Amino acid sequence: MNKIEQFQLENLLRIEGYKDNIPLKKAAIDFVIESNKAQYSYHFSWLGRPIIQYPQDMIAMQEIIYNLKPDLIIETGIAHGGSLIYYASLCELIGNGQVLGIDIDIRKHNKEEIENHPMYKRIRMIQGSSIDPEIVMKVKEYANNFDKILVLLDSNHTHEHVLSELLAYSELVSVNSYIVVFDTVVSDLPDGYLPNRAWSKEKNPKSAVIEFMETNENFIIDYFIDEKLLISVAPSGYLKRVK
């Protein structure tokens, strides 16, 4: 049993009722494995823009955003901009919040679609690597104008990159808010499932979460969200700041 598998087992066994739900847990993992083969997360859009997320995670984000009512949502990784539009529309509904997206390569056509969207009024974008010190400084300077901050990591999924993002942006997260690490599910997929990728079953966003949590006492993993969703691309990735 490797370090990630040991981590998962220890934490799943802490959750009351887990043993009674083993068949359901297995069915959820089987669904994630099979649905990824069909690029399931690419089937959805939000207000006209591809969102490339599982609906379950988007519902979880809606609950977090509604309860927290953040002043600023920071997301690394923009792609087609669907998630930026989604978060901005939730901010619009609750009457509070701005969204800051960061991406190393904001494609021209995606940038134009986002800028022409009605929800762009709540969005700002920065092009550059999310772990570039100059970009990190720009984000921190912008974040200084806000109190309640939520951070979402969904860019490069290598262990080193995600860990660098966690170390750079976790200090911006306000108490009782979250830093959410997407695609921790990579550790649940079979070896070689995603060929030609720079991450693997052993080194991926979840291994970065494990290393981060070993030395950071300000955050806990919100396993209640995992239990509620069952199907998620971010198992053990919802990190709540408690102090």
C-alpha atoms as a PDB file:
ATOM      1  CA  MET A   1       0.000   0.000   0.000  1.00  0.00           C
ATOM      2  CA  ASN A   2       1.527   3.303  -1.096  1.00  0.00           C
ATOM      3  CA  LYS A   3       1.359   6.597   0.792  1.00  0.00           C
ATOM      4  CA  ILE A   4      -1.720   7.872  -1.037  1.00  0.00           C
ATOM      5  CA  GLU A   5      -3.633   4.605  -0.543  1.00  0.00           C
ATOM      6  CA  GLN A   6      -2.760   4.584   3.176  1.00  0.00           C
ATOM      7  CA  PHE A   7      -3.883   8.202   3.497  1.00  0.00           C
ATOM      8  CA  GLN A   8      -7.203   7.445   1.787  1.00  0.00           C
ATOM      9  CA  LEU A   9      -7.900   4.362   3.892  1.00  0.00           C
ATOM     10  CA  GLU A  10      -7.128   6.047   7.212  1.00  0.00           C
ATOM     11  CA  ASN A  11      -9.351   9.010   6.440  1.00  0.00           C
ATOM     12  CA  LEU A  12     -12.225   7.050   4.965  1.00  0.00           C
ATOM     13  CA  LEU A  13     -12.331   4.842   8.045  1.00  0.00           C
ATOM     14  CA  ARG A  14     -12.744   7.961  10.205  1.00  0.00           C
ATOM     15  CA  ILE A  15     -16.044   8.727   8.536  1.00  0.00           C
ATOM     16  CA  GLU A  16     -18.991   7.272  10.395  1.00  0.00           C
ATOM     17  CA  GLY A  17     -20.912   4.812   8.255  1.00  0.00           C
ATOM     18  CA  TYR A  18     -18.200   4.307   5.652  1.00  0.00           C
ATOM     19  CA  LYS A  19     -18.067   0.533   6.125  1.00  0.00           C
ATOM     20  CA  ASP A  20     -21.806   0.328   5.485  1.00  0.00           C
ATOM     21  CA  ASN A  21     -21.406   2.150   2.177  1.00  0.00           C
ATOM     22  CA  ILE A  22     -18.584   0.175   0.565  1.00  0.00           C
ATOM     23  CA  PRO A  23     -20.709  -0.997  -2.420  1.00  0.00           C
ATOM     24  CA  LEU A  24     -21.862   2.583  -3.050  1.00  0.00           C
ATOM     25  CA  LYS A  25     -18.307   3.898  -2.737  1.00  0.00           C
ATOM     26  CA  LYS A  26     -17.063   1.293  -5.195  1.00  0.00           C
ATOM     27  CA  ALA A  27     -19.872   2.127  -7.633  1.00  0.00           C
ATOM     28  CA  ALA A  28     -18.926   5.808  -7.442  1.00  0.00           C
ATOM     29  CA  ILE A  29     -15.261   5.101  -8.214  1.00  0.00           C
ATOM     30  CA  ASP A  30     -16.256   2.726 -11.024  1.00  0.00           C
ATOM     31  CA  PHE A  31     -18.438   5.484 -12.467  1.00  0.00           C
ATOM     32  CA  VAL A  32     -15.590   7.996 -12.322  1.00  0.00           C
ATOM     33  CA  ILE A  33     -13.245   5.576 -14.097  1.00  0.00           C
ATOM     34  CA  GLU A  34     -15.726   4.724 -16.840  1.00  0.00           C
ATOM     35  CA  SER A  35     -17.083   8.241 -17.266  1.00  0.00           C
ATOM     36  CA  ASN A  36     -13.594   9.635 -17.769  1.00  0.00           C
ATOM     37  CA  LYS A  37     -13.194   7.310 -20.738  1.00  0.00           C
ATOM     38  CA  ALA A  38     -16.198   9.061 -22.300  1.00  0.00           C
ATOM     39  CA  GLN A  39     -14.928  12.531 -21.311  1.00  0.00           C
ATOM     40  CA  TYR A  40     -18.067  12.941 -19.198  1.00  0.00           C
ATOM     41  CA  SER A  41     -16.973  16.267 -17.725  1.00  0.00           C
ATOM     42  CA  TYR A  42     -16.858  17.761 -21.241  1.00  0.00           C
ATOM     43  CA  HIS A  43     -20.606  17.232 -21.724  1.00  0.00           C
ATOM     44  CA  PHE A  44     -21.724  20.292 -19.759  1.00  0.00           C
ATOM     45  CA  SER A  45     -21.825  24.058 -20.139  1.00  0.00           C
ATOM     46  CA  TRP A  46     -22.952  27.016 -18.050  1.00  0.00           C
ATOM     47  CA  LEU A  47     -24.709  29.990 -19.643  1.00  0.00           C
ATOM     48  CA  GLY A  48     -23.229  29.112 -23.005  1.00  0.00           C
ATOM     49  CA  ARG A  49     -19.620  28.280 -22.043  1.00  0.00           C
ATOM     50  CA  PRO A  50     -18.129  24.768 -21.633  1.00  0.00           C
ATOM     51  CA  ILE A  51     -17.472  24.170 -17.944  1.00  0.00           C
ATOM     52  CA  ILE A  52     -15.487  20.874 -17.988  1.00  0.00           C
ATOM     53  CA  GLN A  53     -16.548  19.832 -14.475  1.00  0.00           C
ATOM     54  CA  TYR A  54     -18.711  17.184 -12.856  1.00  0.00           C
ATOM     55  CA  PRO A  55     -22.151  18.575 -11.940  1.00  0.00           C
ATOM     56  CA  GLN A  56     -21.742  17.217  -8.404  1.00  0.00           C
ATOM     57  CA  ASP A  57     -18.719  19.427  -7.763  1.00  0.00           C
ATOM     58  CA  MET A  58     -20.498  22.440  -9.188  1.00  0.00           C
ATOM     59  CA  ILE A  59     -23.410  21.883  -6.799  1.00  0.00           C
ATOM     60  CA  ALA A  60     -20.913  21.638  -3.925  1.00  0.00           C
ATOM     61  CA  MET A  61     -19.351  24.916  -5.044  1.00  0.00           C
ATOM     62  CA  GLN A  62     -22.780  26.552  -5.177  1.00  0.00           C
ATOM     63  CA  GLU A  63     -23.424  25.524  -1.569  1.00  0.00           C
ATOM     64  CA  ILE A  64     -20.034  26.844  -0.450  1.00  0.00           C
ATOM     65  CA  ILE A  65     -20.450  30.139  -2.284  1.00  0.00           C
ATOM     66  CA  TYR A  66     -24.002  30.706  -1.058  1.00  0.00           C
ATOM     67  CA  ASN A  67     -23.068  30.004   2.565  1.00  0.00           C
ATOM     68  CA  LEU A  68     -19.783  31.915   2.490  1.00  0.00           C
ATOM     69  CA  LYS A  69     -20.779  34.808   0.206  1.00  0.00           C
ATOM     70  CA  PRO A  70     -17.136  35.480  -0.697  1.00  0.00           C
ATOM     71  CA  ASP A  71     -15.895  38.882  -1.749  1.00  0.00           C
ATOM     72  CA  LEU A  72     -13.361  37.304  -4.106  1.00  0.00           C
ATOM     73  CA  ILE A  73     -13.096  33.916  -5.810  1.00  0.00           C
ATOM     74  CA  ILE A  74      -9.653  33.120  -7.238  1.00  0.00           C
ATOM     75  CA  GLU A  75      -9.416  30.306  -9.794  1.00  0.00           C
ATOM     76  CA  THR A  76      -6.240  29.006 -11.428  1.00  0.00           C
ATOM     77  CA  GLY A  77      -6.978  27.517 -14.833  1.00  0.00           C
ATOM     78  CA  ILE A  78      -9.486  29.179 -17.162  1.00  0.00           C
ATOM     79  CA  ALA A  79      -9.874  26.901 -20.240  1.00  0.00           C
ATOM     80  CA  HIS A  80     -13.134  27.934 -21.983  1.00  0.00           C
ATOM     81  CA  GLY A  81     -14.193  30.111 -19.058  1.00  0.00           C
ATOM     82  CA  GLY A  82     -17.298  28.153 -18.078  1.00  0.00           C
ATOM     83  CA  SER A  83     -16.395  27.934 -14.422  1.00  0.00           C
ATOM     84  CA  LEU A  84     -15.508  31.645 -14.273  1.00  0.00           C
ATOM     85  CA  ILE A  85     -18.944  32.417 -15.715  1.00  0.00           C
ATOM     86  CA  TYR A  86     -20.553  29.980 -13.274  1.00  0.00           C
ATOM     87  CA  TYR A  87     -18.953  31.530 -10.198  1.00  0.00           C
ATOM     88  CA  ALA A  88     -19.630  35.058 -11.460  1.00  0.00           C
ATOM     89  CA  SER A  89     -23.310  34.223 -11.996  1.00  0.00           C
ATOM     90  CA  LEU A  90     -23.570  32.913  -8.431  1.00  0.00           C
ATOM     91  CA  CYS A  91     -21.979  36.127  -7.185  1.00  0.00           C
ATOM     92  CA  GLU A  92     -24.531  38.044  -9.239  1.00  0.00           C
ATOM     93  CA  LEU A  93     -27.404  36.089  -7.692  1.00  0.00           C
ATOM     94  CA  ILE A  94     -26.259  36.666  -4.115  1.00  0.00           C
ATOM     95  CA  GLY A  95     -25.324  40.271  -4.863  1.00  0.00           C
ATOM     96  CA  ASN A  96     -21.685  40.029  -3.830  1.00  0.00           C
ATOM     97  CA  GLY A  97     -18.307  38.948  -5.113  1.00  0.00           C
ATOM     98  CA  GLN A  98     -15.738  39.196  -7.881  1.00  0.00           C
ATOM     99  CA  VAL A  99     -13.943  36.389  -9.736  1.00  0.00           C
ATOM    100  CA  LEU A 100     -10.252  36.407 -10.663  1.00  0.00           C
ATOM    101  CA  GLY A 101      -9.061  33.828 -13.199  1.00  0.00           C
ATOM    102  CA  ILE A 102      -5.408  32.976 -13.861  1.00  0.00           C
ATOM    103  CA  ASP A 103      -4.106  30.949 -16.794  1.00  0.00           C
ATOM    104  CA  ILE A 104      -0.751  30.544 -18.479  1.00  0.00           C
ATOM    105  CA  ASP A 105      -2.434  30.652 -21.894  1.00  0.00           C
ATOM    106  CA  ILE A 106      -5.784  32.408 -22.304  1.00  0.00           C
ATOM    107  CA  ARG A 107      -6.766  31.503 -25.845  1.00  0.00           C
ATOM    108  CA  LYS A 108      -7.884  34.473 -27.960  1.00  0.00           C
ATOM    109  CA  HIS A 109     -11.317  33.064 -28.833  1.00  0.00           C
ATOM    110  CA  ASN A 110     -11.993  32.063 -25.221  1.00  0.00           C
ATOM    111  CA  LYS A 111     -10.925  35.494 -23.976  1.00  0.00           C
ATOM    112  CA  GLU A 112     -13.277  37.169 -26.441  1.00  0.00           C
ATOM    113  CA  GLU A 113     -16.220  34.936 -25.458  1.00  0.00           C
ATOM    114  CA  ILE A 114     -15.650  35.615 -21.764  1.00  0.00           C
ATOM    115  CA  GLU A 115     -15.266  39.362 -22.264  1.00  0.00           C
ATOM    116  CA  ASN A 116     -18.478  39.485 -24.313  1.00  0.00           C
ATOM    117  CA  HIS A 117     -20.488  37.566 -21.698  1.00  0.00           C
ATOM    118  CA  PRO A 118     -22.970  39.449 -19.462  1.00  0.00           C
ATOM    119  CA  MET A 119     -21.218  38.037 -16.382  1.00  0.00           C
ATOM    120  CA  TYR A 120     -17.858  39.507 -17.375  1.00  0.00           C
ATOM    121  CA  LYS A 121     -18.692  42.537 -15.245  1.00  0.00           C
ATOM    122  CA  ARG A 122     -17.688  40.429 -12.210  1.00  0.00           C
ATOM    123  CA  ILE A 123     -14.603  38.833 -13.795  1.00  0.00           C
ATOM    124  CA  ARG A 124     -10.963  39.789 -14.128  1.00  0.00           C
ATOM    125  CA  MET A 125      -8.300  37.636 -15.819  1.00  0.00           C
ATOM    126  CA  ILE A 126      -4.513  37.475 -15.511  1.00  0.00           C
ATOM    127  CA  GLN A 127      -2.371  35.633 -18.062  1.00  0.00           C
ATOM    128  CA  GLY A 128       0.701  33.867 -16.738  1.00  0.00           C
ATOM    129  CA  SER A 129       1.766  30.867 -14.708  1.00  0.00           C
ATOM    130  CA  SER A 130      -0.077  30.730 -11.397  1.00  0.00           C
ATOM    131  CA  ILE A 131       3.202  29.917  -9.623  1.00  0.00           C
ATOM    132  CA  ASP A 132       5.300  32.614 -11.278  1.00  0.00           C
ATOM    133  CA  PRO A 133       6.392  34.903  -8.401  1.00  0.00           C
ATOM    134  CA  GLU A 134       5.357  38.000 -10.371  1.00  0.00           C
ATOM    135  CA  ILE A 135       1.881  36.570 -11.002  1.00  0.00           C
ATOM    136  CA  VAL A 136       1.536  35.498  -7.370  1.00  0.00           C
ATOM    137  CA  MET A 137       2.446  39.029  -6.319  1.00  0.00           C
ATOM    138  CA  LYS A 138      -0.161  40.521  -8.681  1.00  0.00           C
ATOM    139  CA  VAL A 139      -2.825  38.208  -7.277  1.00  0.00           C
ATOM    140  CA  LYS A 140      -1.908  39.041  -3.684  1.00  0.00           C
ATOM    141  CA  GLU A 141      -1.942  42.775  -4.410  1.00  0.00           C
ATOM    142  CA  TYR A 142      -5.402  42.447  -5.959  1.00  0.00           C
ATOM    143  CA  ALA A 143      -6.635  40.248  -3.102  1.00  0.00           C
ATOM    144  CA  ASN A 144      -5.644  42.899  -0.558  1.00  0.00           C
ATOM    145  CA  ASN A 145      -8.850  44.722  -1.469  1.00  0.00           C
ATOM    146  CA  PHE A 146     -11.098  41.869  -0.299  1.00  0.00           C
ATOM    147  CA  ASP A 147     -11.948  40.209   3.013  1.00  0.00           C
ATOM    148  CA  LYS A 148     -13.640  36.840   2.396  1.00  0.00           C
ATOM    149  CA  ILE A 149     -11.623  34.920  -0.176  1.00  0.00           C
ATOM    150  CA  LEU A 150     -12.201  31.488  -1.764  1.00  0.00           C
ATOM    151  CA  VAL A 151      -9.439  29.824  -3.832  1.00  0.00           C
ATOM    152  CA  LEU A 152      -9.853  27.098  -6.473  1.00  0.00           C
ATOM    153  CA  LEU A 153      -6.894  25.262  -8.034  1.00  0.00           C
ATOM    154  CA  ASP A 154      -7.514  23.718 -11.453  1.00  0.00           C
ATOM    155  CA  SER A 155      -4.549  24.400 -13.702  1.00  0.00           C
ATOM    156  CA  ASN A 156      -1.456  22.193 -14.099  1.00  0.00           C
ATOM    157  CA  HIS A 157      -2.061  18.942 -12.189  1.00  0.00           C
ATOM    158  CA  THR A 158       1.505  17.886 -11.393  1.00  0.00           C
ATOM    159  CA  HIS A 159       2.421  17.335  -7.745  1.00  0.00           C
ATOM    160  CA  GLU A 160       5.027  20.095  -7.796  1.00  0.00           C
ATOM    161  CA  HIS A 161       2.773  22.678  -9.429  1.00  0.00           C
ATOM    162  CA  VAL A 162      -0.220  22.039  -7.168  1.00  0.00           C
ATOM    163  CA  LEU A 163       1.936  22.054  -4.045  1.00  0.00           C
ATOM    164  CA  SER A 164       3.456  25.380  -5.141  1.00  0.00           C
ATOM    165  CA  GLU A 165      -0.058  26.773  -5.668  1.00  0.00           C
ATOM    166  CA  LEU A 166      -1.152  25.569  -2.236  1.00  0.00           C
ATOM    167  CA  LEU A 167       1.832  27.200  -0.580  1.00  0.00           C
ATOM    168  CA  ALA A 168       1.381  30.430  -2.552  1.00  0.00           C
ATOM    169  CA  TYR A 169      -2.371  30.934  -2.249  1.00  0.00           C
ATOM    170  CA  SER A 170      -3.491  29.204   0.948  1.00  0.00           C
ATOM    171  CA  GLU A 171      -2.532  32.251   3.012  1.00  0.00           C
ATOM    172  CA  LEU A 172      -5.110  34.288   1.079  1.00  0.00           C
ATOM    173  CA  VAL A 173      -7.982  32.027   2.149  1.00  0.00           C
ATOM    174  CA  SER A 174     -10.106  33.529   4.897  1.00  0.00           C
ATOM    175  CA  VAL A 175     -11.095  31.527   7.980  1.00  0.00           C
ATOM    176  CA  ASN A 176     -14.126  29.289   7.302  1.00  0.00           C
ATOM    177  CA  SER A 177     -13.484  29.514   3.571  1.00  0.00           C
ATOM    178  CA  TYR A 178     -11.843  26.897   1.331  1.00  0.00           C
ATOM    179  CA  ILE A 179      -8.996  26.204  -1.011  1.00  0.00           C
ATOM    180  CA  VAL A 180     -10.337  23.530  -3.357  1.00  0.00           C
ATOM    181  CA  VAL A 181      -7.909  21.280  -5.243  1.00  0.00           C
ATOM    182  CA  PHE A 182      -9.507  19.798  -8.348  1.00  0.00           C
ATOM    183  CA  ASP A 183      -8.485  16.518 -10.019  1.00  0.00           C
ATOM    184  CA  THR A 184      -7.293  14.782  -6.866  1.00  0.00           C
ATOM    185  CA  VAL A 185      -9.301  11.906  -8.392  1.00  0.00           C
ATOM    186  CA  VAL A 186      -6.229  11.071 -10.499  1.00  0.00           C
ATOM    187  CA  SER A 187      -4.982   8.983  -7.579  1.00  0.00           C
ATOM    188  CA  ASP A 188      -8.095   6.772  -7.850  1.00  0.00           C
ATOM    189  CA  LEU A 189      -7.624   6.012 -11.544  1.00  0.00           C
ATOM    190  CA  PRO A 190      -5.679   2.946 -12.739  1.00  0.00           C
ATOM    191  CA  ASP A 191      -1.979   3.233 -13.563  1.00  0.00           C
ATOM    192  CA  GLY A 192      -1.482   4.381 -17.141  1.00  0.00           C
ATOM    193  CA  TYR A 193      -5.097   5.527 -17.376  1.00  0.00           C
ATOM    194  CA  LEU A 194      -4.037   8.965 -18.605  1.00  0.00           C
ATOM    195  CA  PRO A 195      -1.055   8.319 -20.935  1.00  0.00           C
ATOM    196  CA  ASN A 196       1.304  11.103 -21.942  1.00  0.00           C
ATOM    197  CA  ARG A 197       0.379  13.163 -18.876  1.00  0.00           C
ATOM    198  CA  ALA A 198       2.861  14.768 -16.485  1.00  0.00           C
ATOM    199  CA  TRP A 199       1.052  13.312 -13.462  1.00  0.00           C
ATOM    200  CA  SER A 200       0.490   9.762 -12.270  1.00  0.00           C
ATOM    201  CA  LYS A 201      -1.301   7.671  -9.659  1.00  0.00           C
ATOM    202  CA  GLU A 202       1.509   8.388  -7.185  1.00  0.00           C
ATOM    203  CA  LYS A 203       2.327  12.026  -8.006  1.00  0.00           C
ATOM    204  CA  ASN A 204      -0.696  14.215  -8.613  1.00  0.00           C
ATOM    205  CA  PRO A 205      -2.920  16.848  -6.951  1.00  0.00           C
ATOM    206  CA  LYS A 206      -3.843  14.490  -4.098  1.00  0.00           C
ATOM    207  CA  SER A 207      -0.219  13.722  -3.253  1.00  0.00           C
ATOM    208  CA  ALA A 208       0.316  17.500  -3.162  1.00  0.00           C
ATOM    209  CA  VAL A 209      -2.626  17.835  -0.743  1.00  0.00           C
ATOM    210  CA  ILE A 210      -1.114  15.154   1.485  1.00  0.00           C
ATOM    211  CA  GLU A 211       2.261  16.891   1.621  1.00  0.00           C
ATOM    212  CA  PHE A 212       0.639  20.265   2.234  1.00  0.00           C
ATOM    213  CA  MET A 213      -1.551  18.944   5.046  1.00  0.00           C
ATOM    214  CA  GLU A 214       1.400  17.305   6.794  1.00  0.00           C
ATOM    215  CA  THR A 215       2.828  20.712   7.679  1.00  0.00           C
ATOM    216  CA  ASN A 216      -0.217  23.014   7.717  1.00  0.00           C
ATOM    217  CA  GLU A 217      -2.462  23.119  10.769  1.00  0.00           C
ATOM    218  CA  ASN A 218      -4.724  25.894   9.525  1.00  0.00           C
ATOM    219  CA  PHE A 219      -6.726  23.608   7.227  1.00  0.00           C
ATOM    220  CA  ILE A 220      -8.763  20.435   7.506  1.00  0.00           C
ATOM    221  CA  ILE A 221     -10.072  18.221   4.726  1.00  0.00           C
ATOM    222  CA  ASP A 222     -13.858  18.522   4.649  1.00  0.00           C
ATOM    223  CA  TYR A 223     -14.759  14.849   4.315  1.00  0.00           C
ATOM    224  CA  PHE A 224     -18.440  15.632   4.736  1.00  0.00           C
ATOM    225  CA  ILE A 225     -18.405  17.024   1.196  1.00  0.00           C
ATOM    226  CA  ASP A 226     -16.768  13.836  -0.097  1.00  0.00           C
ATOM    227  CA  GLU A 227     -19.398  11.712   1.634  1.00  0.00           C
ATOM    228  CA  LYS A 228     -22.223  13.803   0.259  1.00  0.00           C
ATOM    229  CA  LEU A 229     -21.003  13.941  -3.333  1.00  0.00           C
ATOM    230  CA  LEU A 230     -19.632  10.395  -3.740  1.00  0.00           C
ATOM    231  CA  ILE A 231     -18.900  11.261  -7.393  1.00  0.00           C
ATOM    232  CA  SER A 232     -16.311  14.024  -7.585  1.00  0.00           C
ATOM    233  CA  VAL A 233     -13.102  15.015  -9.327  1.00  0.00           C
ATOM    234  CA  ALA A 234     -11.864  16.474  -6.039  1.00  0.00           C
ATOM    235  CA  PRO A 235     -12.011  13.758  -3.335  1.00  0.00           C
ATOM    236  CA  SER A 236     -10.045  14.958  -0.291  1.00  0.00           C
ATOM    237  CA  GLY A 237      -9.599  18.212  -2.184  1.00  0.00           C
ATOM    238  CA  TYR A 238     -12.025  20.451  -0.295  1.00  0.00           C
ATOM    239  CA  LEU A 239      -9.693  22.037   2.249  1.00  0.00           C
ATOM    240  CA  LYS A 240     -11.387  24.271   4.810  1.00  0.00           C
ATOM    241  CA  ARG A 241      -9.464  26.906   6.727  1.00  0.00           C
ATOM    242  CA  VAL A 242     -10.339  26.602  10.409  1.00  0.00           C
ATOM    243  CA  LYS A 243      -7.771  28.953  11.959  1.00  0.00           C
END
